[in-house]
Amino acid sequence: MTNISTDASAGAARKAAENCTFPLVVRAGQANPRTYKIMGDGVSGACLVGAEETGGVFSLFEITAEPGGVISPHRHSTEEETFYILEGNFEVQRGGELIEMSAGMALHGPRGVIHGLRCVGDVTGRILIVTIPGGFENYYREMNESEGAADLAFLMGKYGLQAGPEPIQPSHYSHLAPNRFVGLRDHRGHVLVSSDETDGVLVLAGLEVDPKGGLQPHLHRLEEEIFYVLEGQFRIMLADQVIDALPGDFVFAPRGTVHSWSNVGDAPAYALVLIAPAENFQNFSLEMEKLVARIGEDVPDREVDPALLQEIKGVYQRHSIELSEFGQP
């Protein structure tokens, strides 16, 4: 294995475009992002990872909104968008709802549903946005190169965008606080966006990992996995690489890629984990939680009932997840 200390090279990006199974590492501040100034009134953004790097699977953006900054209501006919608030406070319109969101909250915007946002309060806001499939950065690139309103109208039509009306009497709600999703002894997930909400497109969870906790090497035959560090220090094995990942670092493990992760710090570590597609993995997680609860919190791995171990291995097999061995990496 080799230690990785820089972001993906141009050669790696080209290979990813040719083969979606190529893993990707992007370090915080080393992504050479394509920055777009015209996204909305008081809103700018950057494409951190685009379709070129992911073989078209997804694109990842970070947008910054000044207090009062607005992205006007619109709808996509091609992309699903998922938002995660990194900093600040927002009012987000989705359909006829006006949703109050703050740091740590997430929301899914299905294709065809009108959405827009406003940064409220006196603090600059930041949002991560994942679009599935990838490629929406091409719209932003052409928009920044456009001559004016006529070009913008043409581009919106070209990329399947429609402007939407302002909501008349939206209902406010803020029920998007994370709920417990699955507990697996030394780590646990909090659902942010579920498979049920996205019709199986994706599941987004906040992952909390105890010191020295983690998951042994494994691979998914059906899902792509996106891993974004929020707090702490993770050691991530990705194919033949070992990455000591810090806040803001981003790892893409395509289906078929062996990977593992562990918290190598002395305090709990946190990350965002996005799995796409979602239904198989969500069902796997719920089944695993029930089995792991039968083990108990303090039983060493070597003392786990062999019959229960076989049940656990069977769950992995049924959900097309291959596991090297039971235990921590």
Protein backbone atom coordinates (compact mmCIF):
# COMPACT_ATOMS: atom_id res chain seq x y z
CA MET A 1 0.00 0.00 0.00
CA THR A 2 1.09 3.59 -0.64
CA ASN A 3 0.32 6.71 1.35
CA ILE A 4 -1.56 9.43 -0.54
CA SER A 5 -1.00 13.10 0.31
CA THR A 6 -2.30 14.94 -2.77
CA ASP A 7 -5.49 15.10 -4.76
CA ALA A 8 -6.24 13.00 -7.85
CA SER A 9 -3.97 13.70 -10.81
CA ALA A 10 -5.13 14.73 -14.26
CA GLY A 11 -4.28 11.23 -15.43
CA ALA A 12 -6.48 9.73 -12.75
CA ALA A 13 -9.31 12.01 -13.77
CA ARG A 14 -9.03 10.89 -17.38
CA LYS A 15 -9.00 7.25 -16.32
CA ALA A 16 -12.10 7.80 -14.17
CA ALA A 17 -13.93 9.19 -17.18
CA GLU A 18 -13.12 6.00 -19.07
CA ASN A 19 -13.84 3.61 -16.20
CA CYS A 20 -16.36 4.39 -13.44
CA THR A 21 -14.65 1.89 -11.13
CA PHE A 22 -11.58 4.10 -10.66
CA PRO A 23 -11.40 5.36 -7.05
CA LEU A 24 -10.85 9.04 -6.37
CA VAL A 25 -9.25 11.06 -3.54
CA VAL A 26 -9.64 14.85 -3.32
CA ARG A 27 -7.88 16.73 -0.52
CA ALA A 28 -9.41 19.82 1.06
CA GLY A 29 -8.11 22.88 -0.76
CA GLN A 30 -6.37 20.85 -3.47
CA ALA A 31 -9.27 20.20 -5.82
CA ASN A 32 -8.40 23.01 -8.26
CA PRO A 33 -12.13 23.81 -8.32
CA ARG A 34 -13.82 25.44 -11.24
CA THR A 35 -15.34 28.55 -9.69
CA TYR A 36 -18.62 30.01 -10.93
CA LYS A 37 -19.65 33.51 -9.94
CA ILE A 38 -23.11 33.65 -11.51
CA MET A 39 -25.34 31.23 -9.61
CA GLY A 40 -27.75 33.65 -8.00
CA ASP A 41 -27.92 37.06 -6.32
CA GLY A 42 -25.09 36.99 -3.76
CA VAL A 43 -24.29 33.32 -4.42
CA SER A 44 -21.15 31.82 -5.96
CA GLY A 45 -19.86 28.28 -6.13
CA ALA A 46 -17.26 25.78 -7.24
CA CYS A 47 -17.37 22.34 -8.80
CA LEU A 48 -15.15 20.19 -6.57
CA VAL A 49 -15.65 16.96 -8.52
CA GLY A 50 -17.32 16.72 -11.91
CA ALA A 51 -18.57 14.09 -14.34
CA GLU A 52 -15.13 13.92 -15.94
CA GLU A 53 -13.68 12.56 -12.70
CA THR A 54 -16.54 10.24 -11.78
CA GLY A 55 -17.37 8.81 -15.18
CA GLY A 56 -20.68 10.69 -15.12
CA VAL A 57 -21.93 9.10 -11.89
CA PHE A 58 -22.23 12.40 -9.96
CA SER A 59 -20.89 15.93 -9.53
CA LEU A 60 -20.07 17.65 -6.21
CA PHE A 61 -20.39 21.40 -5.67
CA GLU A 62 -19.76 23.77 -2.79
CA ILE A 63 -21.67 27.04 -2.88
CA THR A 64 -21.21 30.14 -0.75
CA ALA A 65 -24.09 32.50 -0.07
CA GLU A 66 -23.76 35.99 1.41
CA PRO A 67 -26.43 37.05 3.93
CA GLY A 68 -29.55 37.61 1.84
CA GLY A 69 -28.10 35.68 -1.11
CA VAL A 70 -30.76 33.99 -3.25
CA ILE A 71 -31.04 31.24 -5.85
CA SER A 72 -34.41 31.81 -7.48
CA PRO A 73 -36.94 28.94 -7.67
CA HIS A 74 -36.37 26.56 -10.60
CA ARG A 75 -36.74 22.90 -11.52
CA HIS A 76 -34.46 20.33 -13.18
CA SER A 77 -35.70 17.76 -15.66
CA THR A 78 -32.46 15.73 -15.59
CA GLU A 79 -30.71 15.92 -12.21
CA GLU A 80 -31.54 14.92 -8.66
CA GLU A 81 -29.94 17.35 -6.17
CA THR A 82 -29.06 16.68 -2.53
CA PHE A 83 -28.09 19.56 -0.24
CA TYR A 84 -26.06 19.46 3.00
CA ILE A 85 -25.65 22.66 5.04
CA LEU A 86 -22.03 23.15 6.14
CA GLU A 87 -22.41 26.62 7.66
CA GLY A 88 -25.09 29.26 8.13
CA ASN A 89 -28.88 29.33 8.02
CA PHE A 90 -31.15 29.02 5.01
CA GLU A 91 -34.75 29.06 3.95
CA VAL A 92 -35.10 26.45 1.24
CA GLN A 93 -38.16 26.18 -0.95
CA ARG A 94 -39.09 22.69 -2.15
CA GLY A 95 -42.37 22.61 -4.01
CA GLY A 96 -44.88 24.47 -1.87
CA GLU A 97 -42.83 24.10 1.33
CA LEU A 98 -40.45 26.60 2.87
CA ILE A 99 -37.93 24.71 4.99
CA GLU A 100 -35.75 26.26 7.69
CA MET A 101 -32.31 24.69 7.54
CA SER A 102 -29.08 25.12 9.51
CA ALA A 103 -25.64 23.47 9.68
CA GLY A 104 -25.80 19.68 9.81
CA MET A 105 -29.14 19.37 8.00
CA ALA A 106 -29.75 17.87 4.56
CA LEU A 107 -32.50 17.87 1.95
CA HIS A 108 -33.17 16.02 -1.30
CA GLY A 109 -34.52 17.89 -4.33
CA PRO A 110 -36.05 15.42 -6.81
CA ARG A 111 -36.00 16.20 -10.50
CA GLY A 112 -39.11 18.02 -11.63
CA VAL A 113 -39.76 19.67 -8.24
CA ILE A 114 -39.36 23.44 -7.92
CA HIS A 115 -36.71 24.51 -5.41
CA GLY A 116 -34.74 27.60 -4.45
CA LEU A 117 -32.97 29.02 -1.40
CA ARG A 118 -32.16 32.16 0.58
CA CYS A 119 -29.36 32.68 3.11
CA VAL A 120 -30.95 34.22 6.21
CA GLY A 121 -29.35 35.96 9.18
CA ASP A 122 -26.02 37.80 9.17
CA VAL A 123 -23.64 34.85 8.66
CA THR A 124 -22.29 33.69 5.30
CA GLY A 125 -23.56 30.21 4.45
CA ARG A 126 -21.94 27.22 2.74
CA ILE A 127 -23.68 24.21 1.19
CA LEU A 128 -22.48 20.96 -0.37
CA ILE A 129 -24.60 19.90 -3.34
CA VAL A 130 -24.44 16.47 -4.99
CA THR A 131 -26.08 16.11 -8.40
CA ILE A 132 -26.93 12.71 -9.85
CA PRO A 133 -26.12 12.07 -12.66
CA GLY A 134 -23.02 14.23 -13.03
CA GLY A 135 -22.42 16.92 -15.61
CA PHE A 136 -24.36 19.93 -14.35
CA GLU A 137 -21.08 21.83 -14.10
CA ASN A 138 -21.33 22.24 -17.89
CA TYR A 139 -24.39 24.45 -17.41
CA TYR A 140 -22.56 26.65 -14.90
CA ARG A 141 -19.53 26.87 -17.20
CA GLU A 142 -21.61 27.99 -20.17
CA MET A 143 -23.69 30.32 -18.00
CA ASN A 144 -20.53 32.12 -16.86
CA GLU A 145 -19.49 32.52 -20.48
CA SER A 146 -22.91 33.79 -21.65
CA GLU A 147 -23.56 37.26 -22.99
CA GLY A 148 -26.81 38.05 -21.21
CA ALA A 149 -30.44 37.16 -20.53
CA ALA A 150 -31.08 35.77 -24.02
CA ASP A 151 -28.19 33.33 -23.71
CA LEU A 152 -29.30 32.36 -20.22
CA ALA A 153 -32.80 31.49 -21.45
CA PHE A 154 -31.25 29.36 -24.23
CA LEU A 155 -28.97 27.56 -21.75
CA MET A 156 -31.80 26.82 -19.34
CA GLY A 157 -33.69 25.16 -22.16
CA LYS A 158 -30.58 23.29 -23.32
CA TYR A 159 -29.99 21.83 -19.83
CA GLY A 160 -33.62 21.11 -18.99
CA LEU A 161 -34.15 23.93 -16.47
CA GLN A 162 -37.35 25.87 -15.93
CA ALA A 163 -37.84 28.96 -13.76
CA GLY A 164 -40.52 28.50 -11.10
CA PRO A 165 -42.93 30.92 -9.42
CA GLU A 166 -42.50 32.15 -5.87
CA PRO A 167 -44.59 30.17 -3.35
CA ILE A 168 -47.83 31.91 -2.38
CA GLN A 169 -48.33 30.76 1.21
CA PRO A 170 -45.58 28.30 2.05
CA SER A 171 -45.75 26.33 5.29
CA HIS A 172 -42.67 26.55 7.52
CA TYR A 173 -41.27 23.42 9.14
CA SER A 174 -37.93 22.24 10.48
CA HIS A 175 -38.27 18.52 11.10
CA LEU A 176 -35.07 17.60 9.27
CA ALA A 177 -32.91 16.96 12.35
CA PRO A 178 -30.98 13.67 11.97
CA ASN A 179 -32.66 10.50 13.24
CA ARG A 180 -30.85 7.36 14.36
CA PHE A 181 -30.41 5.11 11.33
CA VAL A 182 -28.27 2.16 12.36
CA GLY A 183 -25.95 1.31 15.27
CA LEU A 184 -23.05 -1.12 14.79
CA ARG A 185 -21.26 -1.17 18.13
CA ASP A 186 -18.34 1.25 17.59
CA HIS A 187 -20.02 3.32 14.87
CA ARG A 188 -23.50 4.53 14.08
CA GLY A 189 -25.32 6.36 11.32
CA HIS A 190 -27.89 9.14 11.49
CA VAL A 191 -30.21 9.31 8.51
CA LEU A 192 -30.18 12.64 6.73
CA VAL A 193 -31.84 11.61 3.48
CA SER A 194 -33.34 8.12 3.23
CA SER A 195 -33.91 5.75 0.34
CA ASP A 196 -37.65 6.19 0.89
CA GLU A 197 -37.38 9.97 0.33
CA THR A 198 -35.39 9.58 -2.90
CA ASP A 199 -37.22 6.59 -4.45
CA GLY A 200 -34.04 4.58 -4.10
CA VAL A 201 -31.74 7.09 -5.82
CA LEU A 202 -29.49 7.60 -2.78
CA VAL A 203 -29.17 7.49 0.98
CA LEU A 204 -27.17 10.16 2.87
CA ALA A 205 -26.09 9.52 6.46
CA GLY A 206 -24.00 11.27 9.07
CA LEU A 207 -21.47 8.71 10.33
CA GLU A 208 -20.16 8.86 13.92
CA VAL A 209 -17.22 6.60 14.75
CA ASP A 210 -15.75 5.95 18.21
CA PRO A 211 -11.96 6.17 18.71
CA LYS A 212 -10.34 3.09 17.13
CA GLY A 213 -13.69 2.07 15.64
CA GLY A 214 -14.20 1.28 11.98
CA LEU A 215 -15.11 -1.25 9.32
CA GLN A 216 -12.94 -3.96 7.80
CA PRO A 217 -12.13 -4.15 4.07
CA HIS A 218 -15.15 -4.82 1.88
CA LEU A 219 -16.61 -3.96 -1.49
CA HIS A 220 -20.06 -3.23 -2.87
CA ARG A 221 -21.16 -4.91 -6.08
CA LEU A 222 -24.23 -2.70 -6.50
CA GLU A 223 -23.46 0.72 -4.94
CA GLU A 224 -21.15 3.70 -5.30
CA GLU A 225 -19.97 5.27 -2.01
CA ILE A 226 -19.01 8.88 -1.34
CA PHE A 227 -17.16 9.71 1.90
CA TYR A 228 -16.67 13.35 3.07
CA VAL A 229 -14.87 14.00 6.39
CA LEU A 230 -16.46 16.55 8.71
CA GLU A 231 -14.49 16.14 11.98
CA GLY A 232 -11.59 14.06 13.24
CA GLN A 233 -9.11 11.85 11.41
CA PHE A 234 -10.01 8.78 9.39
CA ARG A 235 -7.64 6.22 7.94
CA ILE A 236 -9.21 5.03 4.71
CA MET A 237 -7.99 2.11 2.63
CA LEU A 238 -9.07 2.54 -0.97
CA ALA A 239 -7.90 -0.19 -3.36
CA ASP A 240 -4.08 -0.05 -3.03
CA GLN A 241 -3.99 3.34 -1.31
CA VAL A 242 -3.98 4.35 2.37
CA ILE A 243 -5.33 7.84 3.06
CA ASP A 244 -5.18 9.72 6.36
CA ALA A 245 -8.27 11.83 5.71
CA LEU A 246 -8.98 15.11 7.53
CA PRO A 247 -11.96 17.53 7.50
CA GLY A 248 -12.85 18.57 3.97
CA ASP A 249 -11.18 15.55 2.38
CA PHE A 250 -13.33 13.58 -0.04
CA VAL A 251 -13.11 9.93 -1.14
CA PHE A 252 -15.08 8.17 -3.90
CA ALA A 253 -15.25 4.37 -3.75
CA PRO A 254 -17.01 3.09 -6.89
CA ARG A 255 -18.74 -0.26 -6.90
CA GLY A 256 -16.25 -3.11 -7.00
CA THR A 257 -13.54 -1.14 -5.12
CA VAL A 258 -12.19 -2.69 -1.90
CA HIS A 259 -12.21 -0.10 0.87
CA SER A 260 -12.22 0.23 4.66
CA TRP A 261 -12.18 3.06 7.18
CA SER A 262 -11.30 3.60 10.83
CA ASN A 263 -11.06 6.46 13.33
CA VAL A 264 -7.38 6.81 14.24
CA GLY A 265 -7.93 9.74 16.61
CA ASP A 266 -8.64 9.91 20.34
CA ALA A 267 -12.11 11.48 20.00
CA PRO A 268 -15.21 10.57 17.98
CA ALA A 269 -14.88 11.31 14.26
CA TYR A 270 -17.67 12.35 11.89
CA ALA A 271 -18.19 12.02 8.14
CA LEU A 272 -20.91 12.23 5.52
CA VAL A 273 -21.53 8.99 3.66
CA LEU A 274 -23.61 8.91 0.48
CA ILE A 275 -24.60 5.58 -1.08
CA ALA A 276 -26.16 5.33 -4.55
CA PRO A 277 -28.36 3.58 -5.47
CA ALA A 278 -29.91 3.25 -2.03
CA GLU A 279 -32.60 0.62 -1.52
CA ASN A 280 -30.36 -2.45 -1.29
CA PHE A 281 -27.93 -0.78 1.11
CA GLN A 282 -30.65 0.65 3.36
CA ASN A 283 -32.24 -2.80 3.71
CA PHE A 284 -28.79 -4.28 4.41
CA SER A 285 -28.16 -1.72 7.18
CA LEU A 286 -31.47 -2.37 8.89
CA GLU A 287 -30.90 -6.13 8.85
CA MET A 288 -27.36 -5.71 10.18
CA GLU A 289 -28.49 -3.52 13.05
CA LYS A 290 -30.80 -6.26 14.31
CA LEU A 291 -28.08 -8.92 14.14
CA VAL A 292 -25.38 -6.78 15.73
CA ALA A 293 -27.75 -5.89 18.59
CA ARG A 294 -27.82 -9.61 19.44
CA ILE A 295 -24.04 -9.61 19.94
CA GLY A 296 -24.05 -6.97 22.67
CA GLU A 297 -21.77 -4.00 23.21
CA ASP A 298 -18.90 -5.63 25.13
CA VAL A 299 -18.43 -9.03 23.48
CA PRO A 300 -15.03 -9.30 21.71
CA ASP A 301 -15.20 -10.31 18.06
CA ARG A 302 -13.41 -13.59 18.77
CA GLU A 303 -16.16 -14.58 21.21
CA VAL A 304 -19.11 -13.97 18.90
CA ASP A 305 -21.35 -17.02 18.46
CA PRO A 306 -20.21 -18.76 15.22
CA ALA A 307 -23.83 -19.34 14.21
CA LEU A 308 -24.53 -15.61 14.51
CA LEU A 309 -21.40 -14.89 12.50
CA GLN A 310 -22.76 -17.08 9.72
CA GLU A 311 -26.03 -15.15 9.77
CA ILE A 312 -24.10 -11.88 9.46
CA LYS A 313 -22.04 -13.23 6.56
CA GLY A 314 -25.26 -14.36 4.90
CA VAL A 315 -26.67 -10.82 5.09
CA TYR A 316 -23.56 -9.49 3.36
CA GLN A 317 -23.85 -12.12 0.63
CA ARG A 318 -27.56 -11.50 0.01
CA HIS A 319 -26.87 -7.81 -0.48
CA SER A 320 -23.83 -8.31 -2.77
CA ILE A 321 -21.33 -6.89 -0.28
CA GLU A 322 -18.11 -8.88 -0.03
CA LEU A 323 -16.32 -8.85 3.32
CA SER A 324 -12.73 -9.92 3.90
CA GLU A 325 -13.31 -11.13 7.46
CA PHE A 326 -15.32 -10.30 10.58
CA GLY A 327 -13.51 -7.77 12.75
CA GLN A 328 -11.94 -4.37 12.56
CA PRO A 329 -9.30 -3.36 10.00
